[in-house]
C-alpha atoms as a PDB file:
ATOM      1  CA  UNK A   1     -47.592  -0.981  10.484  1.00  0.00           C
ATOM      2  CA  UNK A   2     -49.722  -2.013  13.459  1.00  0.00           C
ATOM      3  CA  UNK A   3     -49.030  -3.027  17.034  1.00  0.00           C
ATOM      4  CA  UNK A   4     -50.544  -5.072  19.831  1.00  0.00           C
ATOM      5  CA  UNK A   5     -49.923  -4.742  23.566  1.00  0.00           C
ATOM      6  CA  UNK A   6     -50.016  -8.021  25.530  1.00  0.00           C
ATOM      7  CA  UNK A   7     -49.746  -7.714  29.353  1.00  0.00           C
ATOM      8  CA  UNK A   8     -48.132 -10.956  30.542  1.00  0.00           C
ATOM      9  CA  UNK A   9     -47.346 -12.758  33.774  1.00  0.00           C
ATOM     10  CA  UNK A  10     -47.917 -11.817  37.422  1.00  0.00           C
ATOM     11  CA  UNK A  11     -46.309  -8.392  36.949  1.00  0.00           C
ATOM     12  CA  UNK A  12     -48.364  -7.717  33.812  1.00  0.00           C
ATOM     13  CA  UNK A  13     -45.284  -6.824  31.811  1.00  0.00           C
ATOM     14  CA  UNK A  14     -46.227  -5.488  28.402  1.00  0.00           C
ATOM     15  CA  UNK A  15     -44.975  -7.427  25.418  1.00  0.00           C
ATOM     16  CA  UNK A  16     -45.503  -5.790  22.045  1.00  0.00           C
ATOM     17  CA  UNK A  17     -46.053  -7.308  18.636  1.00  0.00           C
ATOM     18  CA  UNK A  18     -45.170  -4.870  15.876  1.00  0.00           C
ATOM     19  CA  UNK A  19     -46.360  -6.111  12.504  1.00  0.00           C
ATOM     20  CA  UNK A  20     -46.579  -5.222   8.846  1.00  0.00           C
ATOM     21  CA  UNK A  21     -49.416  -5.778   6.384  1.00  0.00           C
ATOM     22  CA  UNK A  22     -47.539  -8.780   4.986  1.00  0.00           C
ATOM     23  CA  UNK A  23     -47.613 -10.427   8.425  1.00  0.00           C
ATOM     24  CA  UNK A  24     -43.943  -9.980   9.325  1.00  0.00           C
ATOM     25  CA  UNK A  25     -43.589  -9.034  12.969  1.00  0.00           C
ATOM     26  CA  UNK A  26     -41.179  -8.176  15.748  1.00  0.00           C
ATOM     27  CA  UNK A  27     -41.801  -9.463  19.271  1.00  0.00           C
ATOM     28  CA  UNK A  28     -40.625  -7.062  21.950  1.00  0.00           C
ATOM     29  CA  UNK A  29     -40.080  -8.068  25.592  1.00  0.00           C
ATOM     30  CA  UNK A  30     -41.770 -11.506  25.736  1.00  0.00           C
ATOM     31  CA  UNK A  31     -41.768 -11.653  29.521  1.00  0.00           C
ATOM     32  CA  UNK A  32     -44.087 -14.593  30.240  1.00  0.00           C
ATOM     33  CA  UNK A  33     -46.927 -16.741  28.856  1.00  0.00           C
ATOM     34  CA  UNK A  34     -45.411 -17.903  25.554  1.00  0.00           C
ATOM     35  CA  UNK A  35     -48.642 -19.712  24.682  1.00  0.00           C
ATOM     36  CA  UNK A  36     -50.583 -16.442  24.855  1.00  0.00           C
ATOM     37  CA  UNK A  37     -48.091 -14.810  22.504  1.00  0.00           C
ATOM     38  CA  UNK A  38     -48.169 -17.764  20.109  1.00  0.00           C
ATOM     39  CA  UNK A  39     -51.958 -17.809  20.052  1.00  0.00           C
ATOM     40  CA  UNK A  40     -52.142 -14.155  19.084  1.00  0.00           C
ATOM     41  CA  UNK A  41     -49.505 -14.748  16.390  1.00  0.00           C
ATOM     42  CA  UNK A  42     -51.589 -17.657  15.086  1.00  0.00           C
ATOM     43  CA  UNK A  43     -54.846 -15.729  15.086  1.00  0.00           C
ATOM     44  CA  UNK A  44     -53.349 -12.832  13.133  1.00  0.00           C
ATOM     45  CA  UNK A  45     -51.357 -15.177  10.869  1.00  0.00           C
ATOM     46  CA  UNK A  46     -48.120 -13.371  11.670  1.00  0.00           C
ATOM     47  CA  UNK A  47     -44.575 -14.348  10.767  1.00  0.00           C
ATOM     48  CA  UNK A  48     -42.209 -13.486  13.661  1.00  0.00           C
ATOM     49  CA  UNK A  49     -38.790 -12.277  12.541  1.00  0.00           C
ATOM     50  CA  UNK A  50     -36.927 -11.264  15.709  1.00  0.00           C
ATOM     51  CA  UNK A  51     -37.153 -10.702  19.465  1.00  0.00           C
ATOM     52  CA  UNK A  52     -36.068  -7.260  20.678  1.00  0.00           C
ATOM     53  CA  UNK A  53     -35.443  -6.583  24.363  1.00  0.00           C
ATOM     54  CA  UNK A  54     -35.652  -3.132  25.892  1.00  0.00           C
ATOM     55  CA  UNK A  55     -33.610  -4.592  28.768  1.00  0.00           C
ATOM     56  CA  UNK A  56     -32.963  -7.948  30.413  1.00  0.00           C
ATOM     57  CA  UNK A  57     -34.827  -7.892  33.720  1.00  0.00           C
ATOM     58  CA  UNK A  58     -36.537 -11.197  34.512  1.00  0.00           C
ATOM     59  CA  UNK A  59     -40.081 -10.013  33.857  1.00  0.00           C
ATOM     60  CA  UNK A  60     -39.123  -9.060  30.293  1.00  0.00           C
ATOM     61  CA  UNK A  61     -37.288 -12.273  29.335  1.00  0.00           C
ATOM     62  CA  UNK A  62     -39.282 -15.167  30.810  1.00  0.00           C
ATOM     63  CA  UNK A  63     -40.649 -16.369  27.456  1.00  0.00           C
ATOM     64  CA  UNK A  64     -37.565 -15.582  25.344  1.00  0.00           C
ATOM     65  CA  UNK A  65     -36.311 -19.142  24.937  1.00  0.00           C
ATOM     66  CA  UNK A  66     -39.745 -20.620  24.179  1.00  0.00           C
ATOM     67  CA  UNK A  67     -40.523 -17.977  21.561  1.00  0.00           C
ATOM     68  CA  UNK A  68     -37.029 -18.099  20.055  1.00  0.00           C
ATOM     69  CA  UNK A  69     -37.210 -21.878  19.693  1.00  0.00           C
ATOM     70  CA  UNK A  70     -40.753 -21.953  18.346  1.00  0.00           C
ATOM     71  CA  UNK A  71     -40.117 -19.478  15.530  1.00  0.00           C
ATOM     72  CA  UNK A  72     -36.337 -19.933  15.145  1.00  0.00           C
ATOM     73  CA  UNK A  73     -35.684 -16.218  15.374  1.00  0.00           C
ATOM     74  CA  UNK A  74     -32.783 -14.175  16.818  1.00  0.00           C
ATOM     75  CA  UNK A  75     -32.739 -12.206  20.060  1.00  0.00           C
ATOM     76  CA  UNK A  76     -31.318  -8.671  20.351  1.00  0.00           C
ATOM     77  CA  UNK A  77     -30.269  -6.892  23.562  1.00  0.00           C
ATOM     78  CA  UNK A  78     -27.813  -4.181  24.569  1.00  0.00           C
ATOM     79  CA  UNK A  79     -24.195  -5.263  24.950  1.00  0.00           C
ATOM     80  CA  UNK A  80     -24.151  -4.287  28.630  1.00  0.00           C
ATOM     81  CA  UNK A  81     -26.844  -6.821  29.462  1.00  0.00           C
ATOM     82  CA  UNK A  82     -25.899  -9.775  27.280  1.00  0.00           C
ATOM     83  CA  UNK A  83     -24.896 -11.798  30.359  1.00  0.00           C
ATOM     84  CA  UNK A  84     -28.054 -10.910  32.276  1.00  0.00           C
ATOM     85  CA  UNK A  85     -30.266 -13.395  30.466  1.00  0.00           C
ATOM     86  CA  UNK A  86     -28.438 -16.340  32.021  1.00  0.00           C
ATOM     87  CA  UNK A  87     -27.731 -14.796  35.427  1.00  0.00           C
ATOM     88  CA  UNK A  88     -30.615 -14.544  37.962  1.00  0.00           C
ATOM     89  CA  UNK A  89     -28.557 -12.222  40.158  1.00  0.00           C
ATOM     90  CA  UNK A  90     -28.244  -9.736  37.315  1.00  0.00           C
ATOM     91  CA  UNK A  91     -31.728 -10.074  35.809  1.00  0.00           C
ATOM     92  CA  UNK A  92     -33.278  -9.664  39.260  1.00  0.00           C
ATOM     93  CA  UNK A  93     -35.148 -12.937  39.631  1.00  0.00           C
ATOM     94  CA  UNK A  94     -32.814 -14.060  42.442  1.00  0.00           C
ATOM     95  CA  UNK A  95     -34.018 -11.238  44.694  1.00  0.00           C
ATOM     96  CA  UNK A  96     -37.750 -11.995  44.854  1.00  0.00           C
ATOM     97  CA  UNK A  97     -38.928 -14.508  47.430  1.00  0.00           C
ATOM     98  CA  UNK A  98     -41.192 -17.178  46.011  1.00  0.00           C
ATOM     99  CA  UNK A  99     -40.095 -16.511  42.450  1.00  0.00           C
ATOM    100  CA  UNK A 100     -38.284 -19.198  40.502  1.00  0.00           C
ATOM    101  CA  UNK A 101     -34.966 -18.090  39.110  1.00  0.00           C
ATOM    102  CA  UNK A 102     -35.470 -17.081  35.482  1.00  0.00           C
ATOM    103  CA  UNK A 103     -32.835 -17.613  32.840  1.00  0.00           C
ATOM    104  CA  UNK A 104     -32.540 -17.621  29.064  1.00  0.00           C
ATOM    105  CA  UNK A 105     -29.814 -18.418  26.612  1.00  0.00           C
ATOM    106  CA  UNK A 106     -27.555 -15.585  25.518  1.00  0.00           C
ATOM    107  CA  UNK A 107     -28.575 -13.156  22.783  1.00  0.00           C
ATOM    108  CA  UNK A 108     -27.835 -13.694  19.123  1.00  0.00           C
ATOM    109  CA  UNK A 109     -27.022 -10.031  18.534  1.00  0.00           C
ATOM    110  CA  UNK A 110     -26.130  -7.068  20.746  1.00  0.00           C
ATOM    111  CA  UNK A 111     -26.254  -3.311  20.378  1.00  0.00           C
ATOM    112  CA  UNK A 112     -23.500  -1.015  21.613  1.00  0.00           C
ATOM    113  CA  UNK A 113     -24.459   2.380  20.191  1.00  0.00           C
ATOM    114  CA  UNK A 114     -27.425   4.474  19.157  1.00  0.00           C
ATOM    115  CA  UNK A 115     -28.254   4.084  15.501  1.00  0.00           C
ATOM    116  CA  UNK A 116     -30.926   3.869  12.844  1.00  0.00           C
ATOM    117  CA  UNK A 117     -31.903   0.221  12.584  1.00  0.00           C
ATOM    118  CA  UNK A 118     -33.489  -1.858   9.856  1.00  0.00           C
ATOM    119  CA  UNK A 119     -34.457  -5.382  10.887  1.00  0.00           C
ATOM    120  CA  UNK A 120     -36.430  -7.467   8.406  1.00  0.00           C
ATOM    121  CA  UNK A 121     -37.984  -4.373   6.848  1.00  0.00           C
ATOM    122  CA  UNK A 122     -38.778  -2.614  10.147  1.00  0.00           C
ATOM    123  CA  UNK A 123     -37.108   0.788  10.406  1.00  0.00           C
ATOM    124  CA  UNK A 124     -36.623   2.446  13.800  1.00  0.00           C
ATOM    125  CA  UNK A 125     -34.173   4.442  15.895  1.00  0.00           C
ATOM    126  CA  UNK A 126     -32.395   2.749  18.759  1.00  0.00           C
ATOM    127  CA  UNK A 127     -32.283   5.166  21.718  1.00  0.00           C
ATOM    128  CA  UNK A 128     -29.974   4.468  24.642  1.00  0.00           C
ATOM    129  CA  UNK A 129     -32.020   5.210  27.786  1.00  0.00           C
ATOM    130  CA  UNK A 130     -30.117   3.778  30.785  1.00  0.00           C
ATOM    131  CA  UNK A 131     -30.972   4.342  34.426  1.00  0.00           C
ATOM    132  CA  UNK A 132     -33.564   1.665  35.149  1.00  0.00           C
ATOM    133  CA  UNK A 133     -30.789  -0.704  34.115  1.00  0.00           C
ATOM    134  CA  UNK A 134     -27.390  -0.094  32.495  1.00  0.00           C
ATOM    135  CA  UNK A 135     -28.387  -1.363  29.066  1.00  0.00           C
ATOM    136  CA  UNK A 136     -31.944  -0.079  28.792  1.00  0.00           C
ATOM    137  CA  UNK A 137     -32.937   1.043  25.305  1.00  0.00           C
ATOM    138  CA  UNK A 138     -36.062   2.442  23.675  1.00  0.00           C
ATOM    139  CA  UNK A 139     -37.287   1.812  20.142  1.00  0.00           C
ATOM    140  CA  UNK A 140     -38.574   4.863  18.262  1.00  0.00           C
ATOM    141  CA  UNK A 141     -40.650   4.368  15.116  1.00  0.00           C
ATOM    142  CA  UNK A 142     -40.908   7.894  13.676  1.00  0.00           C
ATOM    143  CA  UNK A 143     -43.254   7.083  10.801  1.00  0.00           C
ATOM    144  CA  UNK A 144     -45.748   5.599  13.257  1.00  0.00           C
ATOM    145  CA  UNK A 145     -45.141   8.264  15.931  1.00  0.00           C
ATOM    146  CA  UNK A 146     -44.508   5.752  18.701  1.00  0.00           C
ATOM    147  CA  UNK A 147     -41.712   4.849  21.086  1.00  0.00           C
ATOM    148  CA  UNK A 148     -41.444   1.610  23.052  1.00  0.00           C
ATOM    149  CA  UNK A 149     -39.856   2.820  26.266  1.00  0.00           C
ATOM    150  CA  UNK A 150     -39.429  -0.367  28.296  1.00  0.00           C
ATOM    151  CA  UNK A 151     -39.256   0.488  31.999  1.00  0.00           C
ATOM    152  CA  UNK A 152     -37.832   3.970  31.518  1.00  0.00           C
ATOM    153  CA  UNK A 153     -41.043   6.006  31.239  1.00  0.00           C
ATOM    154  CA  UNK A 154     -44.578   5.042  32.297  1.00  0.00           C
ATOM    155  CA  UNK A 155     -47.905   6.811  32.396  1.00  0.00           C
ATOM    156  CA  UNK A 156     -47.488   9.117  35.385  1.00  0.00           C
ATOM    157  CA  UNK A 157     -44.334   7.416  36.600  1.00  0.00           C
ATOM    158  CA  UNK A 158     -40.794   6.286  35.793  1.00  0.00           C
ATOM    159  CA  UNK A 159     -38.839   3.068  36.203  1.00  0.00           C
ATOM    160  CA  UNK A 160     -37.545   1.832  39.539  1.00  0.00           C
ATOM    161  CA  UNK A 161     -33.834   2.188  40.193  1.00  0.00           C
ATOM    162  CA  UNK A 162     -33.316  -0.013  43.273  1.00  0.00           C
ATOM    163  CA  UNK A 163     -32.251  -3.152  41.372  1.00  0.00           C
ATOM    164  CA  UNK A 164     -28.588  -3.818  40.492  1.00  0.00           C
ATOM    165  CA  UNK A 165     -27.279  -1.213  38.065  1.00  0.00           C
ATOM    166  CA  UNK A 166     -30.113   1.232  38.708  1.00  0.00           C
ATOM    167  CA  UNK A 167     -29.283   4.950  38.688  1.00  0.00           C
ATOM    168  CA  UNK A 168     -32.018   7.487  39.404  1.00  0.00           C
ATOM    169  CA  UNK A 169     -30.318  10.670  38.160  1.00  0.00           C
ATOM    170  CA  UNK A 170     -29.179   8.869  35.010  1.00  0.00           C
ATOM    171  CA  UNK A 171     -32.725   7.645  34.335  1.00  0.00           C
ATOM    172  CA  UNK A 172     -34.110  11.164  34.590  1.00  0.00           C
ATOM    173  CA  UNK A 173     -31.376  12.414  32.279  1.00  0.00           C
ATOM    174  CA  UNK A 174     -32.212   9.676  29.755  1.00  0.00           C
ATOM    175  CA  UNK A 175     -35.906  10.519  29.836  1.00  0.00           C
ATOM    176  CA  UNK A 176     -35.342  14.254  29.389  1.00  0.00           C
ATOM    177  CA  UNK A 177     -32.644  14.000  26.724  1.00  0.00           C
ATOM    178  CA  UNK A 178     -33.906  11.038  24.685  1.00  0.00           C
ATOM    179  CA  UNK A 179     -37.650  10.715  25.189  1.00  0.00           C
ATOM    180  CA  UNK A 180     -39.061  14.147  26.026  1.00  0.00           C
ATOM    181  CA  UNK A 181     -37.223  15.556  23.001  1.00  0.00           C
ATOM    182  CA  UNK A 182     -39.398  13.426  20.685  1.00  0.00           C
ATOM    183  CA  UNK A 183     -42.436  15.064  19.047  1.00  0.00           C
ATOM    184  CA  UNK A 184     -45.072  15.723  21.683  1.00  0.00           C
ATOM    185  CA  UNK A 185     -47.711  13.653  19.871  1.00  0.00           C
ATOM    186  CA  UNK A 186     -45.519  10.535  20.052  1.00  0.00           C
ATOM    187  CA  UNK A 187     -47.260   7.580  21.671  1.00  0.00           C
ATOM    188  CA  UNK A 188     -45.310   6.002  24.547  1.00  0.00           C
ATOM    189  CA  UNK A 189     -45.719   2.232  24.769  1.00  0.00           C
ATOM    190  CA  UNK A 190     -44.356   1.399  28.248  1.00  0.00           C
ATOM    191  CA  UNK A 191     -43.174  -1.830  29.835  1.00  0.00           C
ATOM    192  CA  UNK A 192     -46.050  -1.739  32.344  1.00  0.00           C
ATOM    193  CA  UNK A 193     -49.387   0.025  32.400  1.00  0.00           C
ATOM    194  CA  UNK A 194     -51.278   2.065  29.867  1.00  0.00           C
ATOM    195  CA  UNK A 195     -50.149   3.771  26.684  1.00  0.00           C
ATOM    196  CA  UNK A 196     -49.521   7.485  27.064  1.00  0.00           C
ATOM    197  CA  UNK A 197     -47.995  10.331  25.035  1.00  0.00           C
ATOM    198  CA  UNK A 198     -44.907  12.475  25.366  1.00  0.00           C
ATOM    199  CA  UNK A 199     -47.146  15.527  25.727  1.00  0.00           C
ATOM    200  CA  UNK A 200     -49.133  14.023  28.614  1.00  0.00           C
ATOM    201  CA  UNK A 201     -45.991  13.044  30.498  1.00  0.00           C
ATOM    202  CA  UNK A 202     -44.412  16.456  29.994  1.00  0.00           C
ATOM    203  CA  UNK A 203     -47.544  18.070  31.390  1.00  0.00           C
ATOM    204  CA  UNK A 204     -48.491  15.820  34.283  1.00  0.00           C
ATOM    205  CA  UNK A 205     -45.828  13.263  35.256  1.00  0.00           C
ATOM    206  CA  UNK A 206     -44.913  14.244  38.853  1.00  0.00           C
ATOM    207  CA  UNK A 207     -41.533  12.507  38.671  1.00  0.00           C
ATOM    208  CA  UNK A 208     -40.353  14.793  35.873  1.00  0.00           C
ATOM    209  CA  UNK A 209     -41.227  18.146  37.378  1.00  0.00           C
ATOM    210  CA  UNK A 210     -38.356  20.338  38.459  1.00  0.00           C
ATOM    211  CA  UNK A 211     -35.615  18.264  36.899  1.00  0.00           C
ATOM    212  CA  UNK A 212     -32.774  20.096  35.177  1.00  0.00           C
ATOM    213  CA  UNK A 213     -30.020  18.531  33.089  1.00  0.00           C
END
């Protein structure tokens, strides 16, 4: 299995394409620029199978409807944020001056618990990592030693908690209990910025020092 990071839109939100040798792929957090996503899919001759959302903030869902319609694939999000796609007040786009309100149709499927998932041959663990938003999740692929953390954990930072539903102490608890307990050589593919590792964040992330559960 391979992956590609695509920073998209004015906030450079990272979308990820996770793909198999046979070309089947998952598209995670298509936040903007659907044409850029489609062009990379075309170049690699990929066959999209599903859209997975780490959470439903506006900068992670802006291209959902275009990509869903183009490839006729389902969208997955946590149960707590199923209404956020269609509601600018919940997905945050209503709060930014100069930004058009962003909406998408509702999801095709929702998650409501942590579990081992198999979607179109892709096997991963669904980790519930709320705090940045109430329904934030991370996708852990143990065989590939990588976790897609959304806006929970970044290189040298953590997600903001000042948008509706944000909870700083809960975010830190999620990071320590669900992410920092992964093997230290696990790659962290964040929603913004550069790829890092669990080991690097344990050693040097200033936001995680001194926290106790």
